[in-house]
Amino acid sequence: MKKILLLFISITVLSVQSCMNQPDDEGRDILHNERQLQNELIGTWKFWGRFSIERNNWIAAGPNQLFTYRFRSDGTYSYMDKTDGKLLNGEYNIIPATEKANPYILLNYNDNGEISSKKLLIIFLDNKFISIFEHPNEDRYQKQLP
């Protein structure tokens, strides 16, 4: 009985010790962690659909909605609208969530000689989908396999 009790106490102490040695941001929600957000964001994202407030559900992309974001690890991105051939290249910054605000991606780009920026509010992100709010729509993009 003493051996079982000693084993239980040893396992408990080791568990507490290993939890104490974890970096603070490792167990945090991905939306609060800039590094994790960037790691999930890197890749190519194809427009999947738009949320309809009137219908209270997602509407899949139509044949003329061919939008793609590509985020790179060096902090650059490209946006392609294949319908009209529009291509934007620029830099992005990730601002993680706070206690009062969702995370967002700040896009900086040159549009026909004019420096512009755009804010994409992140509603949801995992390794398959990202939902962003870009006024006045909530759009969903699906991550493409490399």
N, C-alpha and C. Protein backbone atom coordinates (compact mmCIF):
# COMPACT_ATOMS: atom_id res chain seq x y z
N MET A 1 0.81 -1.18 0.00
CA MET A 1 0.00 0.00 0.00
C MET A 1 0.86 1.26 0.00
N LYS A 2 1.98 1.18 0.78
CA LYS A 2 2.87 2.33 0.85
C LYS A 2 3.51 2.60 -0.51
N LYS A 3 3.82 1.54 -1.24
CA LYS A 3 4.43 1.70 -2.56
C LYS A 3 3.47 2.38 -3.53
N ILE A 4 2.20 2.03 -3.47
CA ILE A 4 1.19 2.64 -4.34
C ILE A 4 1.04 4.11 -3.99
N LEU A 5 0.99 4.42 -2.70
CA LEU A 5 0.87 5.81 -2.27
C LEU A 5 2.10 6.62 -2.69
N LEU A 6 3.29 6.03 -2.53
CA LEU A 6 4.53 6.70 -2.94
C LEU A 6 4.55 6.93 -4.45
N LEU A 7 4.09 5.96 -5.21
CA LEU A 7 4.02 6.09 -6.66
C LEU A 7 3.05 7.21 -7.06
N PHE A 8 1.88 7.26 -6.43
CA PHE A 8 0.89 8.30 -6.70
C PHE A 8 1.45 9.69 -6.39
N ILE A 9 2.12 9.83 -5.26
CA ILE A 9 2.71 11.13 -4.88
C ILE A 9 3.80 11.53 -5.88
N SER A 10 4.62 10.58 -6.29
CA SER A 10 5.69 10.87 -7.26
C SER A 10 5.12 11.35 -8.60
N ILE A 11 4.08 10.70 -9.07
CA ILE A 11 3.46 11.08 -10.35
C ILE A 11 2.84 12.47 -10.23
N THR A 12 2.19 12.75 -9.10
CA THR A 12 1.58 14.07 -8.89
C THR A 12 2.64 15.17 -8.89
N VAL A 13 3.74 14.95 -8.20
CA VAL A 13 4.82 15.95 -8.13
C VAL A 13 5.41 16.17 -9.51
N LEU A 14 5.64 15.10 -10.26
CA LEU A 14 6.20 15.25 -11.61
C LEU A 14 5.23 15.98 -12.53
N SER A 15 3.95 15.73 -12.41
CA SER A 15 2.96 16.42 -13.25
C SER A 15 2.95 17.91 -12.96
N VAL A 16 2.95 18.27 -11.70
CA VAL A 16 2.95 19.68 -11.32
C VAL A 16 4.24 20.34 -11.79
N GLN A 17 5.37 19.66 -11.61
CA GLN A 17 6.66 20.20 -12.03
C GLN A 17 6.71 20.44 -13.54
N SER A 18 6.20 19.50 -14.33
CA SER A 18 6.24 19.66 -15.79
C SER A 18 5.33 20.79 -16.24
N CYS A 19 4.19 20.98 -15.57
CA CYS A 19 3.31 22.10 -15.91
C CYS A 19 3.96 23.43 -15.59
N MET A 20 4.73 23.49 -14.53
CA MET A 20 5.37 24.74 -14.14
C MET A 20 6.49 25.12 -15.10
N ASN A 21 7.07 24.13 -15.80
CA ASN A 21 8.18 24.40 -16.70
C ASN A 21 7.74 24.80 -18.10
N GLN A 22 6.43 24.76 -18.40
CA GLN A 22 5.95 25.15 -19.72
C GLN A 22 6.00 26.66 -19.88
N PRO A 23 6.40 27.14 -21.07
CA PRO A 23 6.33 28.58 -21.31
C PRO A 23 4.89 29.06 -21.19
N ASP A 24 4.71 30.32 -20.78
CA ASP A 24 3.38 30.86 -20.54
C ASP A 24 2.47 30.79 -21.75
N ASP A 25 3.01 31.03 -22.94
CA ASP A 25 2.15 31.12 -24.12
C ASP A 25 1.83 29.78 -24.75
N GLU A 26 2.46 28.70 -24.28
CA GLU A 26 2.26 27.41 -24.92
C GLU A 26 0.84 26.89 -24.75
N GLY A 27 0.26 27.07 -23.56
CA GLY A 27 -1.06 26.55 -23.31
C GLY A 27 -2.17 27.53 -23.66
N ARG A 28 -1.83 28.70 -24.13
CA ARG A 28 -2.85 29.72 -24.40
C ARG A 28 -3.59 29.43 -25.69
N ASP A 29 -4.74 30.02 -25.79
CA ASP A 29 -5.55 29.92 -26.98
C ASP A 29 -4.79 30.50 -28.17
N ILE A 30 -4.88 29.86 -29.33
CA ILE A 30 -4.15 30.29 -30.52
C ILE A 30 -4.43 31.75 -30.89
N LEU A 31 -5.64 32.22 -30.66
CA LEU A 31 -5.99 33.58 -31.06
C LEU A 31 -5.27 34.64 -30.22
N HIS A 32 -4.70 34.24 -29.09
CA HIS A 32 -3.97 35.17 -28.23
C HIS A 32 -2.45 35.08 -28.44
N ASN A 33 -2.00 34.23 -29.33
CA ASN A 33 -0.58 33.97 -29.49
C ASN A 33 -0.14 34.31 -30.93
N GLU A 34 0.64 35.37 -31.07
CA GLU A 34 1.04 35.84 -32.40
C GLU A 34 1.81 34.79 -33.19
N ARG A 35 2.73 34.09 -32.53
CA ARG A 35 3.54 33.08 -33.21
C ARG A 35 2.68 31.93 -33.73
N GLN A 36 1.76 31.46 -32.89
CA GLN A 36 0.87 30.37 -33.31
C GLN A 36 -0.06 30.83 -34.43
N LEU A 37 -0.56 32.05 -34.32
CA LEU A 37 -1.41 32.59 -35.38
C LEU A 37 -0.67 32.60 -36.72
N GLN A 38 0.57 33.09 -36.71
CA GLN A 38 1.33 33.16 -37.95
C GLN A 38 1.60 31.76 -38.51
N ASN A 39 1.95 30.82 -37.64
CA ASN A 39 2.21 29.45 -38.11
C ASN A 39 0.98 28.85 -38.78
N GLU A 40 -0.20 29.09 -38.21
CA GLU A 40 -1.43 28.58 -38.82
C GLU A 40 -1.78 29.32 -40.11
N LEU A 41 -1.44 30.60 -40.14
CA LEU A 41 -1.83 31.45 -41.27
C LEU A 41 -0.99 31.18 -42.53
N ILE A 42 0.26 30.79 -42.36
CA ILE A 42 1.15 30.60 -43.50
C ILE A 42 0.57 29.55 -44.46
N GLY A 43 0.47 29.94 -45.72
CA GLY A 43 -0.06 29.05 -46.74
C GLY A 43 -1.01 29.79 -47.66
N THR A 44 -1.70 29.04 -48.49
CA THR A 44 -2.63 29.60 -49.46
C THR A 44 -4.06 29.31 -49.01
N TRP A 45 -4.89 30.36 -49.03
CA TRP A 45 -6.27 30.28 -48.58
C TRP A 45 -7.20 30.69 -49.72
N LYS A 46 -8.11 29.79 -50.08
CA LYS A 46 -9.05 30.03 -51.18
C LYS A 46 -10.43 30.38 -50.60
N PHE A 47 -11.07 31.38 -51.19
CA PHE A 47 -12.40 31.81 -50.74
C PHE A 47 -13.35 30.63 -50.78
N TRP A 48 -14.03 30.40 -49.67
CA TRP A 48 -14.95 29.28 -49.55
C TRP A 48 -16.40 29.73 -49.57
N GLY A 49 -16.68 30.88 -48.92
CA GLY A 49 -18.05 31.35 -48.89
C GLY A 49 -18.23 32.54 -47.96
N ARG A 50 -19.46 32.97 -47.85
CA ARG A 50 -19.79 34.17 -47.08
C ARG A 50 -20.98 33.87 -46.17
N PHE A 51 -20.92 34.44 -44.96
CA PHE A 51 -22.02 34.24 -44.02
C PHE A 51 -23.18 35.17 -44.37
N SER A 52 -24.38 34.61 -44.44
CA SER A 52 -25.58 35.39 -44.74
C SER A 52 -26.34 35.65 -43.46
N ILE A 53 -26.44 36.91 -43.08
CA ILE A 53 -27.20 37.26 -41.89
C ILE A 53 -28.68 36.96 -42.12
N GLU A 54 -29.18 37.24 -43.32
CA GLU A 54 -30.59 37.00 -43.62
C GLU A 54 -30.95 35.52 -43.49
N ARG A 55 -30.07 34.67 -43.96
CA ARG A 55 -30.34 33.22 -43.93
C ARG A 55 -29.79 32.55 -42.67
N ASN A 56 -28.93 33.26 -41.95
CA ASN A 56 -28.28 32.75 -40.75
C ASN A 56 -27.49 31.46 -41.02
N ASN A 57 -26.80 31.43 -42.16
CA ASN A 57 -25.93 30.31 -42.48
C ASN A 57 -24.91 30.72 -43.54
N TRP A 58 -23.99 29.80 -43.85
CA TRP A 58 -22.94 30.06 -44.83
C TRP A 58 -23.44 29.77 -46.23
N ILE A 59 -23.05 30.61 -47.17
CA ILE A 59 -23.37 30.41 -48.58
C ILE A 59 -22.06 30.15 -49.30
N ALA A 60 -21.98 29.02 -49.97
CA ALA A 60 -20.75 28.64 -50.67
C ALA A 60 -20.43 29.63 -51.79
N ALA A 61 -19.15 29.72 -52.10
CA ALA A 61 -18.70 30.63 -53.16
C ALA A 61 -19.30 30.25 -54.49
N GLY A 62 -19.64 31.26 -55.27
CA GLY A 62 -20.15 31.05 -56.61
C GLY A 62 -19.00 30.95 -57.60
N PRO A 63 -19.29 30.63 -58.86
CA PRO A 63 -18.24 30.45 -59.86
C PRO A 63 -17.45 31.72 -60.16
N ASN A 64 -17.99 32.89 -59.85
CA ASN A 64 -17.28 34.14 -60.10
C ASN A 64 -16.61 34.70 -58.85
N GLN A 65 -16.52 33.92 -57.81
CA GLN A 65 -15.88 34.36 -56.58
C GLN A 65 -14.59 33.58 -56.39
N LEU A 66 -13.57 33.98 -57.12
CA LEU A 66 -12.29 33.27 -57.13
C LEU A 66 -11.22 34.13 -56.46
N PHE A 67 -11.27 34.20 -55.12
CA PHE A 67 -10.34 35.02 -54.36
C PHE A 67 -9.38 34.12 -53.59
N THR A 68 -8.10 34.52 -53.55
CA THR A 68 -7.09 33.73 -52.85
C THR A 68 -6.13 34.64 -52.11
N TYR A 69 -5.84 34.28 -50.86
CA TYR A 69 -4.77 34.91 -50.09
C TYR A 69 -3.63 33.92 -49.96
N ARG A 70 -2.40 34.43 -50.05
CA ARG A 70 -1.23 33.59 -49.79
C ARG A 70 -0.35 34.33 -48.79
N PHE A 71 -0.20 33.75 -47.60
CA PHE A 71 0.62 34.34 -46.55
C PHE A 71 1.94 33.58 -46.46
N ARG A 72 3.04 34.32 -46.42
CA ARG A 72 4.37 33.73 -46.35
C ARG A 72 5.00 33.97 -44.98
N SER A 73 5.98 33.15 -44.63
CA SER A 73 6.62 33.24 -43.32
C SER A 73 7.46 34.50 -43.15
N ASP A 74 7.81 35.18 -44.24
CA ASP A 74 8.62 36.40 -44.14
C ASP A 74 7.78 37.66 -43.91
N GLY A 75 6.48 37.49 -43.67
CA GLY A 75 5.61 38.64 -43.40
C GLY A 75 5.04 39.30 -44.65
N THR A 76 5.16 38.64 -45.79
CA THR A 76 4.58 39.17 -47.02
C THR A 76 3.37 38.31 -47.40
N TYR A 77 2.52 38.90 -48.24
CA TYR A 77 1.34 38.18 -48.69
C TYR A 77 1.00 38.63 -50.11
N SER A 78 0.13 37.86 -50.74
CA SER A 78 -0.46 38.27 -52.02
C SER A 78 -1.94 37.93 -51.97
N TYR A 79 -2.71 38.75 -52.66
CA TYR A 79 -4.15 38.56 -52.78
C TYR A 79 -4.47 38.55 -54.26
N MET A 80 -5.18 37.54 -54.70
CA MET A 80 -5.52 37.42 -56.12
C MET A 80 -7.03 37.28 -56.28
N ASP A 81 -7.58 38.16 -57.11
CA ASP A 81 -8.99 38.04 -57.52
C ASP A 81 -8.92 37.56 -58.97
N LYS A 82 -9.10 36.27 -59.18
CA LYS A 82 -8.96 35.69 -60.51
C LYS A 82 -10.08 36.10 -61.45
N THR A 83 -11.17 36.59 -60.90
CA THR A 83 -12.30 37.02 -61.74
C THR A 83 -11.92 38.24 -62.57
N ASP A 84 -11.32 39.24 -61.93
CA ASP A 84 -10.95 40.45 -62.66
C ASP A 84 -9.44 40.61 -62.84
N GLY A 85 -8.66 39.61 -62.41
CA GLY A 85 -7.22 39.64 -62.61
C GLY A 85 -6.47 40.55 -61.64
N LYS A 86 -7.11 41.01 -60.60
CA LYS A 86 -6.48 41.92 -59.64
C LYS A 86 -5.51 41.15 -58.75
N LEU A 87 -4.30 41.67 -58.63
CA LEU A 87 -3.27 41.08 -57.79
C LEU A 87 -2.71 42.15 -56.87
N LEU A 88 -2.73 41.90 -55.58
CA LEU A 88 -2.12 42.81 -54.60
C LEU A 88 -1.02 42.07 -53.88
N ASN A 89 0.12 42.73 -53.71
CA ASN A 89 1.22 42.18 -52.94
C ASN A 89 1.56 43.18 -51.85
N GLY A 90 1.93 42.69 -50.70
CA GLY A 90 2.28 43.59 -49.62
C GLY A 90 2.80 42.85 -48.42
N GLU A 91 2.76 43.53 -47.29
CA GLU A 91 3.21 42.97 -46.03
C GLU A 91 2.03 42.86 -45.08
N TYR A 92 2.15 41.93 -44.14
CA TYR A 92 1.09 41.78 -43.15
C TYR A 92 1.68 41.75 -41.75
N ASN A 93 0.88 42.20 -40.80
CA ASN A 93 1.20 42.11 -39.38
C ASN A 93 0.04 41.44 -38.69
N ILE A 94 0.36 40.60 -37.72
CA ILE A 94 -0.68 39.92 -36.95
C ILE A 94 -0.75 40.57 -35.58
N ILE A 95 -1.93 40.97 -35.20
CA ILE A 95 -2.16 41.55 -33.88
C ILE A 95 -3.03 40.53 -33.12
N PRO A 96 -2.45 39.88 -32.10
CA PRO A 96 -3.21 38.84 -31.39
C PRO A 96 -4.37 39.40 -30.60
N ALA A 97 -5.25 38.51 -30.19
CA ALA A 97 -6.42 38.89 -29.40
C ALA A 97 -5.99 39.43 -28.05
N THR A 98 -6.84 40.29 -27.51
CA THR A 98 -6.67 40.79 -26.15
C THR A 98 -7.91 40.36 -25.37
N GLU A 99 -7.99 40.77 -24.15
CA GLU A 99 -9.16 40.44 -23.34
C GLU A 99 -10.42 41.09 -23.91
N LYS A 100 -10.26 42.20 -24.65
CA LYS A 100 -11.41 42.95 -25.14
C LYS A 100 -11.60 42.92 -26.65
N ALA A 101 -10.63 42.39 -27.40
CA ALA A 101 -10.73 42.48 -28.86
C ALA A 101 -10.24 41.20 -29.53
N ASN A 102 -10.86 40.89 -30.67
CA ASN A 102 -10.42 39.75 -31.49
C ASN A 102 -9.08 40.06 -32.13
N PRO A 103 -8.35 39.02 -32.55
CA PRO A 103 -7.11 39.26 -33.29
C PRO A 103 -7.44 39.76 -34.69
N TYR A 104 -6.46 40.38 -35.32
CA TYR A 104 -6.66 40.79 -36.70
C TYR A 104 -5.35 40.77 -37.46
N ILE A 105 -5.50 40.80 -38.78
CA ILE A 105 -4.37 40.86 -39.70
C ILE A 105 -4.41 42.24 -40.32
N LEU A 106 -3.32 42.96 -40.24
CA LEU A 106 -3.22 44.27 -40.86
C LEU A 106 -2.44 44.10 -42.15
N LEU A 107 -3.10 44.36 -43.28
CA LEU A 107 -2.49 44.23 -44.60
C LEU A 107 -2.06 45.60 -45.09
N ASN A 108 -0.82 45.73 -45.51
CA ASN A 108 -0.31 46.96 -46.12
C ASN A 108 0.09 46.63 -47.55
N TYR A 109 -0.35 47.46 -48.50
CA TYR A 109 -0.09 47.16 -49.90
C TYR A 109 -0.06 48.44 -50.72
N ASN A 110 0.45 48.31 -51.93
CA ASN A 110 0.52 49.41 -52.88
C ASN A 110 -0.52 49.13 -53.97
N ASP A 111 -1.54 49.97 -54.04
CA ASP A 111 -2.61 49.78 -55.01
C ASP A 111 -2.54 50.92 -56.03
N ASN A 112 -1.97 50.61 -57.20
CA ASN A 112 -1.81 51.61 -58.27
C ASN A 112 -1.07 52.86 -57.79
N GLY A 113 0.03 52.64 -57.06
CA GLY A 113 0.85 53.76 -56.60
C GLY A 113 0.40 54.38 -55.30
N GLU A 114 -0.69 53.93 -54.76
CA GLU A 114 -1.20 54.49 -53.50
C GLU A 114 -1.01 53.46 -52.38
N ILE A 115 -0.33 53.89 -51.30
CA ILE A 115 -0.13 53.01 -50.15
C ILE A 115 -1.45 52.91 -49.38
N SER A 116 -1.90 51.69 -49.17
CA SER A 116 -3.17 51.46 -48.49
C SER A 116 -2.99 50.38 -47.43
N SER A 117 -3.96 50.30 -46.55
CA SER A 117 -3.97 49.23 -45.56
C SER A 117 -5.40 48.74 -45.37
N LYS A 118 -5.50 47.52 -44.91
CA LYS A 118 -6.80 46.89 -44.71
C LYS A 118 -6.69 46.02 -43.47
N LYS A 119 -7.76 46.00 -42.69
CA LYS A 119 -7.79 45.22 -41.45
C LYS A 119 -8.75 44.06 -41.62
N LEU A 120 -8.26 42.84 -41.39
CA LEU A 120 -9.09 41.64 -41.45
C LEU A 120 -9.24 41.09 -40.04
N LEU A 121 -10.42 41.18 -39.48
CA LEU A 121 -10.69 40.69 -38.14
C LEU A 121 -10.83 39.18 -38.19
N ILE A 122 -10.07 38.47 -37.37
CA ILE A 122 -10.12 37.01 -37.35
C ILE A 122 -11.21 36.57 -36.37
N ILE A 123 -12.19 35.85 -36.89
CA ILE A 123 -13.28 35.32 -36.07
C ILE A 123 -12.95 33.89 -35.63
N PHE A 124 -12.36 33.12 -36.54
CA PHE A 124 -12.06 31.71 -36.28
C PHE A 124 -10.87 31.32 -37.13
N LEU A 125 -10.00 30.45 -36.59
CA LEU A 125 -8.85 29.97 -37.35
C LEU A 125 -8.45 28.60 -36.86
N ASP A 126 -8.30 27.67 -37.79
CA ASP A 126 -7.66 26.39 -37.49
C ASP A 126 -6.88 25.99 -38.73
N ASN A 127 -6.36 24.79 -38.77
CA ASN A 127 -5.50 24.41 -39.91
C ASN A 127 -6.28 24.14 -41.19
N LYS A 128 -7.60 24.32 -41.17
CA LYS A 128 -8.40 24.05 -42.35
C LYS A 128 -9.18 25.28 -42.83
N PHE A 129 -9.73 26.07 -41.90
CA PHE A 129 -10.54 27.24 -42.26
C PHE A 129 -10.13 28.47 -41.46
N ILE A 130 -10.34 29.62 -42.09
CA ILE A 130 -10.24 30.88 -41.39
C ILE A 130 -11.50 31.67 -41.73
N SER A 131 -12.11 32.24 -40.71
CA SER A 131 -13.25 33.14 -40.91
C SER A 131 -12.78 34.54 -40.56
N ILE A 132 -12.93 35.45 -41.51
CA ILE A 132 -12.50 36.83 -41.29
C ILE A 132 -13.67 37.77 -41.53
N PHE A 133 -13.64 38.85 -40.80
CA PHE A 133 -14.65 39.87 -41.00
C PHE A 133 -13.98 41.06 -41.67
N GLU A 134 -14.43 41.33 -42.87
CA GLU A 134 -13.96 42.50 -43.62
C GLU A 134 -15.21 43.26 -43.99
N HIS A 135 -15.42 44.37 -43.35
CA HIS A 135 -16.67 45.12 -43.47
C HIS A 135 -17.16 45.17 -44.92
N PRO A 136 -18.34 44.81 -45.21
CA PRO A 136 -19.45 44.48 -44.32
C PRO A 136 -19.71 42.97 -44.24
N ASN A 137 -18.75 42.13 -44.61
CA ASN A 137 -19.01 40.69 -44.71
C ASN A 137 -18.12 39.87 -43.80
N GLU A 138 -18.65 38.70 -43.41
CA GLU A 138 -17.83 37.68 -42.78
C GLU A 138 -17.58 36.61 -43.84
N ASP A 139 -16.31 36.47 -44.22
CA ASP A 139 -15.94 35.53 -45.27
C ASP A 139 -15.18 34.36 -44.68
N ARG A 140 -15.28 33.22 -45.34
CA ARG A 140 -14.55 32.03 -44.91
C ARG A 140 -13.64 31.60 -46.05
N TYR A 141 -12.39 31.32 -45.70
CA TYR A 141 -11.40 30.83 -46.65
C TYR A 141 -10.95 29.45 -46.20
N GLN A 142 -10.69 28.58 -47.17
CA GLN A 142 -10.23 27.24 -46.87
C GLN A 142 -8.76 27.12 -47.22
N LYS A 143 -7.97 26.55 -46.31
CA LYS A 143 -6.55 26.38 -46.56
C LYS A 143 -6.34 25.32 -47.61
N GLN A 144 -5.46 25.62 -48.57
CA GLN A 144 -5.17 24.70 -49.66
C GLN A 144 -3.94 23.86 -49.30
N LEU A 145 -3.97 22.61 -49.67
CA LEU A 145 -2.82 21.75 -49.42
C LEU A 145 -1.66 22.15 -50.31
N PRO A 146 -0.43 22.06 -49.77
CA PRO A 146 0.75 22.47 -50.58
C PRO A 146 0.95 21.58 -51.79
